[in-house]
Amino acid sequence: MIVTAFTAAAVYVATGIDYLVILILLFSQIKKSNQIKHIWIGQYIGTVIIIGASLLVALGVANFIPQQWMIGLLGLLPLYLGIKIWIQGEEDEDEGNILSLFSSGRFNQLFITVTFIVLASSADDFAIYIPYFTTLNMMEIIIAVIVFMIMVGVLCLISYRLASLNFVSDKIEKYERWIVPIVFIGLGIYILFENGTFNALFSFLF
């Protein structure tokens, strides 16, 4: 049981570390207390969906492995957000501008946007979780899922603490007009390339 718990924690760290930069960026933009809750909820919902889908495949309930290029289409979301922030950022100088943009328009709840960002970054998670779950019995799976849920909280807490450091928050606040869109546009492009979405779309169209 202890070995399973430590292994599960190591597996989550190997996959969850990708979210650290994004979470620090989001937490550094917080101006309202309820935005903290939305970020936590979005991270948890996205993780639960990824774990659930991985378990379905690992247990044979779903006889397919998620198509990476379809998952990659979710990379359009951070790409869209990055471009939106870049274009509209100069037009709105209100406090909390970045998170207000994240929670406006079609995705009118911040936690929904965070959930989609988590899902968009999930291809590597599927690649690790599915074979990992196939090696576990039912009791070990339950332990692993509990550890994953705890580790989500740990990741959010660490990200929040790092974002609260004066050095980090001051630097992000000073250069947020450039840092935020560059990070999200870069994330979107990376997700699309990493999952072969560009190649799949190109082959489909031509």
Protein backbone atom coordinates (compact mmCIF):
# COMPACT_ATOMS: atom_id res chain seq x y z
CA MET A 1 0.00 0.00 0.00
CA ILE A 2 2.81 2.44 0.92
CA VAL A 3 4.71 1.52 -2.24
CA THR A 4 1.58 2.12 -4.32
CA ALA A 5 1.05 5.51 -2.68
CA PHE A 6 4.63 6.64 -3.31
CA THR A 7 4.54 5.34 -6.88
CA ALA A 8 1.27 7.14 -7.56
CA ALA A 9 2.73 10.37 -6.17
CA ALA A 10 5.77 10.00 -8.44
CA VAL A 11 3.53 9.34 -11.46
CA TYR A 12 1.48 12.45 -10.73
CA VAL A 13 4.56 14.63 -10.27
CA ALA A 14 5.90 13.37 -13.61
CA THR A 15 2.71 14.48 -15.37
CA GLY A 16 1.44 17.33 -13.18
CA ILE A 17 4.59 19.42 -13.23
CA ASP A 18 3.52 20.74 -16.65
CA TYR A 19 0.67 22.61 -14.98
CA LEU A 20 2.91 24.39 -12.48
CA VAL A 21 3.77 27.38 -14.70
CA ILE A 22 0.16 27.83 -15.82
CA LEU A 23 -1.15 27.70 -12.26
CA ILE A 24 1.46 30.16 -11.02
CA LEU A 25 0.46 32.49 -13.84
CA LEU A 26 -3.24 32.18 -13.00
CA PHE A 27 -2.80 32.55 -9.24
CA SER A 28 -0.60 35.63 -9.76
CA GLN A 29 -3.51 37.37 -11.50
CA ILE A 30 -6.02 36.89 -8.69
CA LYS A 31 -7.85 40.04 -7.61
CA LYS A 32 -11.00 38.46 -6.15
CA SER A 33 -11.14 35.68 -3.56
CA ASN A 34 -13.62 33.58 -5.55
CA GLN A 35 -11.10 33.31 -8.40
CA ILE A 36 -8.91 31.11 -6.21
CA LYS A 37 -11.80 28.68 -5.83
CA HIS A 38 -12.42 28.62 -9.58
CA ILE A 39 -8.79 27.74 -10.33
CA TRP A 40 -8.82 24.89 -7.79
CA ILE A 41 -12.16 23.57 -9.07
CA GLY A 42 -11.04 23.71 -12.70
CA GLN A 43 -7.82 21.83 -11.93
CA TYR A 44 -9.71 19.15 -10.02
CA ILE A 45 -12.44 18.71 -12.66
CA GLY A 46 -9.89 18.42 -15.47
CA THR A 47 -7.84 15.89 -13.51
CA VAL A 48 -10.90 13.78 -12.61
CA ILE A 49 -11.93 13.64 -16.28
CA ILE A 50 -8.42 12.57 -17.33
CA ILE A 51 -8.22 9.90 -14.61
CA GLY A 52 -11.72 8.64 -15.40
CA ALA A 53 -11.02 8.33 -19.12
CA SER A 54 -7.70 6.62 -18.45
CA LEU A 55 -9.36 4.11 -16.13
CA LEU A 56 -12.05 3.31 -18.70
CA VAL A 57 -9.38 2.45 -21.23
CA ALA A 58 -7.14 0.59 -18.75
CA LEU A 59 -10.04 -1.52 -17.46
CA GLY A 60 -11.21 -2.33 -20.97
CA VAL A 61 -14.53 -0.52 -20.61
CA ALA A 62 -13.53 1.63 -23.58
CA ASN A 63 -11.70 -0.33 -26.25
CA PHE A 64 -9.84 2.61 -27.70
CA ILE A 65 -6.99 4.86 -26.69
CA PRO A 66 -7.89 8.57 -26.98
CA GLN A 67 -6.73 9.96 -30.32
CA GLN A 68 -3.97 12.42 -29.55
CA TRP A 69 -4.75 14.73 -32.43
CA MET A 70 -8.35 15.07 -31.23
CA ILE A 71 -7.10 15.92 -27.74
CA GLY A 72 -4.72 18.32 -29.42
CA LEU A 73 -7.65 20.30 -30.80
CA LEU A 74 -8.16 21.52 -27.25
CA GLY A 75 -4.86 23.33 -27.75
CA LEU A 76 -6.88 25.86 -29.73
CA LEU A 77 -8.26 27.14 -26.41
CA PRO A 78 -5.01 28.47 -24.87
CA LEU A 79 -4.04 29.69 -28.34
CA TYR A 80 -7.33 31.59 -28.58
CA LEU A 81 -6.96 32.97 -25.05
CA GLY A 82 -3.40 34.11 -25.69
CA ILE A 83 -4.39 35.95 -28.86
CA LYS A 84 -7.46 37.43 -27.16
CA ILE A 85 -5.35 38.72 -24.27
CA TRP A 86 -2.76 40.13 -26.67
CA ILE A 87 -5.40 42.01 -28.70
CA GLN A 88 -7.71 43.14 -25.90
CA GLY A 89 -5.14 43.63 -23.17
CA GLU A 90 -4.41 47.20 -24.22
CA GLU A 91 -8.09 48.05 -24.37
CA ASP A 92 -8.95 47.08 -20.80
CA GLU A 93 -6.75 48.37 -17.98
CA ASP A 94 -9.12 47.26 -15.20
CA GLU A 95 -7.72 45.35 -12.26
CA GLY A 96 -7.79 41.62 -12.78
CA ASN A 97 -7.90 42.08 -16.54
CA ILE A 98 -6.39 38.71 -17.42
CA LEU A 99 -8.74 36.57 -15.35
CA SER A 100 -11.71 38.70 -16.38
CA LEU A 101 -10.87 37.88 -20.00
CA PHE A 102 -10.59 34.18 -19.09
CA SER A 103 -14.09 34.24 -17.61
CA SER A 104 -15.82 36.20 -20.36
CA GLY A 105 -17.49 35.25 -23.61
CA ARG A 106 -18.29 31.62 -24.39
CA PHE A 107 -16.42 30.32 -21.35
CA ASN A 108 -18.20 32.56 -18.86
CA GLN A 109 -16.93 30.74 -15.78
CA LEU A 110 -13.22 30.78 -14.95
CA PHE A 111 -13.22 27.17 -13.75
CA ILE A 112 -14.51 26.02 -17.15
CA THR A 113 -11.59 27.70 -18.87
CA VAL A 114 -9.13 26.16 -16.40
CA THR A 115 -10.72 22.73 -16.93
CA PHE A 116 -10.26 22.97 -20.69
CA ILE A 117 -6.65 24.10 -20.28
CA VAL A 118 -5.99 21.03 -18.11
CA LEU A 119 -7.63 18.75 -20.68
CA ALA A 120 -5.71 20.40 -23.50
CA SER A 121 -2.45 19.50 -21.77
CA SER A 122 -3.50 15.92 -21.03
CA ALA A 123 -2.02 13.86 -23.88
CA ASP A 124 1.10 12.98 -21.87
CA ASP A 125 -1.11 12.15 -18.90
CA PHE A 126 -3.06 9.57 -20.91
CA ALA A 127 0.16 8.07 -22.23
CA ILE A 128 1.35 7.46 -18.65
CA TYR A 129 -1.88 6.86 -16.72
CA ILE A 130 -3.33 4.17 -19.00
CA PRO A 131 -0.38 1.73 -18.86
CA TYR A 132 0.13 2.58 -15.18
CA PHE A 133 -3.47 1.69 -14.25
CA THR A 134 -3.24 -1.61 -16.16
CA THR A 135 -0.55 -2.77 -13.71
CA LEU A 136 -2.73 -2.21 -10.63
CA ASN A 137 -5.44 -4.24 -8.97
CA MET A 138 -8.67 -2.61 -7.81
CA MET A 139 -7.44 -1.74 -4.33
CA GLU A 140 -4.23 -0.25 -5.71
CA ILE A 141 -6.25 1.80 -8.21
CA ILE A 142 -8.35 3.26 -5.39
CA ILE A 143 -5.19 4.16 -3.47
CA ALA A 144 -3.62 5.71 -6.58
CA VAL A 145 -6.71 7.82 -7.31
CA ILE A 146 -6.81 9.08 -3.71
CA VAL A 147 -3.12 10.00 -3.93
CA PHE A 148 -3.73 11.80 -7.24
CA MET A 149 -6.50 13.86 -5.65
CA ILE A 150 -4.22 14.79 -2.77
CA MET A 151 -1.43 15.69 -5.17
CA VAL A 152 -3.73 18.01 -7.13
CA GLY A 153 -4.25 19.96 -3.92
CA VAL A 154 -0.52 19.97 -3.21
CA LEU A 155 0.21 21.24 -6.73
CA CYS A 156 -2.37 24.03 -6.41
CA LEU A 157 -1.06 25.00 -2.98
CA ILE A 158 2.58 25.11 -4.12
CA SER A 159 1.61 27.13 -7.19
CA TYR A 160 -0.39 29.56 -5.06
CA ARG A 161 2.48 29.99 -2.59
CA LEU A 162 5.01 30.57 -5.37
CA ALA A 163 2.68 33.08 -7.05
CA SER A 164 2.40 34.91 -3.71
CA LEU A 165 6.14 35.50 -3.47
CA ASN A 166 6.87 39.18 -4.00
CA PHE A 167 9.64 38.50 -6.49
CA VAL A 168 7.42 36.28 -8.65
CA SER A 169 4.26 38.40 -8.44
CA ASP A 170 6.15 41.66 -9.06
CA LYS A 171 7.87 40.31 -12.16
CA ILE A 172 4.67 38.85 -13.58
CA GLU A 173 2.73 42.04 -12.85
CA LYS A 174 5.44 44.14 -14.51
CA TYR A 175 5.59 42.06 -17.69
CA GLU A 176 2.15 40.43 -17.71
CA ARG A 177 1.16 42.20 -20.91
CA TRP A 178 3.78 40.05 -22.66
CA ILE A 179 4.25 37.00 -20.42
CA VAL A 180 0.61 35.87 -20.32
CA PRO A 181 -0.16 35.87 -24.06
CA ILE A 182 3.26 34.41 -24.94
CA VAL A 183 2.82 31.55 -22.45
CA PHE A 184 -0.70 30.69 -23.65
CA ILE A 185 0.02 31.06 -27.36
CA GLY A 186 3.14 28.96 -26.89
CA LEU A 187 1.17 26.35 -24.93
CA GLY A 188 -1.49 26.16 -27.64
CA ILE A 189 1.05 25.74 -30.45
CA TYR A 190 3.00 23.16 -28.43
CA ILE A 191 -0.14 21.11 -27.74
CA LEU A 192 -1.16 21.17 -31.41
CA PHE A 193 2.30 20.07 -32.57
CA GLU A 194 2.92 17.56 -29.77
CA ASN A 195 -0.32 15.71 -30.50
CA GLY A 196 0.11 15.71 -34.27
CA THR A 197 -3.00 17.85 -34.73
CA PHE A 198 -1.45 20.09 -37.37
CA ASN A 199 -0.36 17.07 -39.43
CA ALA A 200 -3.74 15.36 -39.03
CA LEU A 201 -5.63 18.48 -40.09
CA PHE A 202 -3.28 19.05 -43.02
CA SER A 203 -3.73 15.44 -44.19
CA PHE A 204 -7.51 15.74 -43.80
CA LEU A 205 -7.71 18.98 -45.81
CA PHE A 206 -5.20 18.08 -48.50
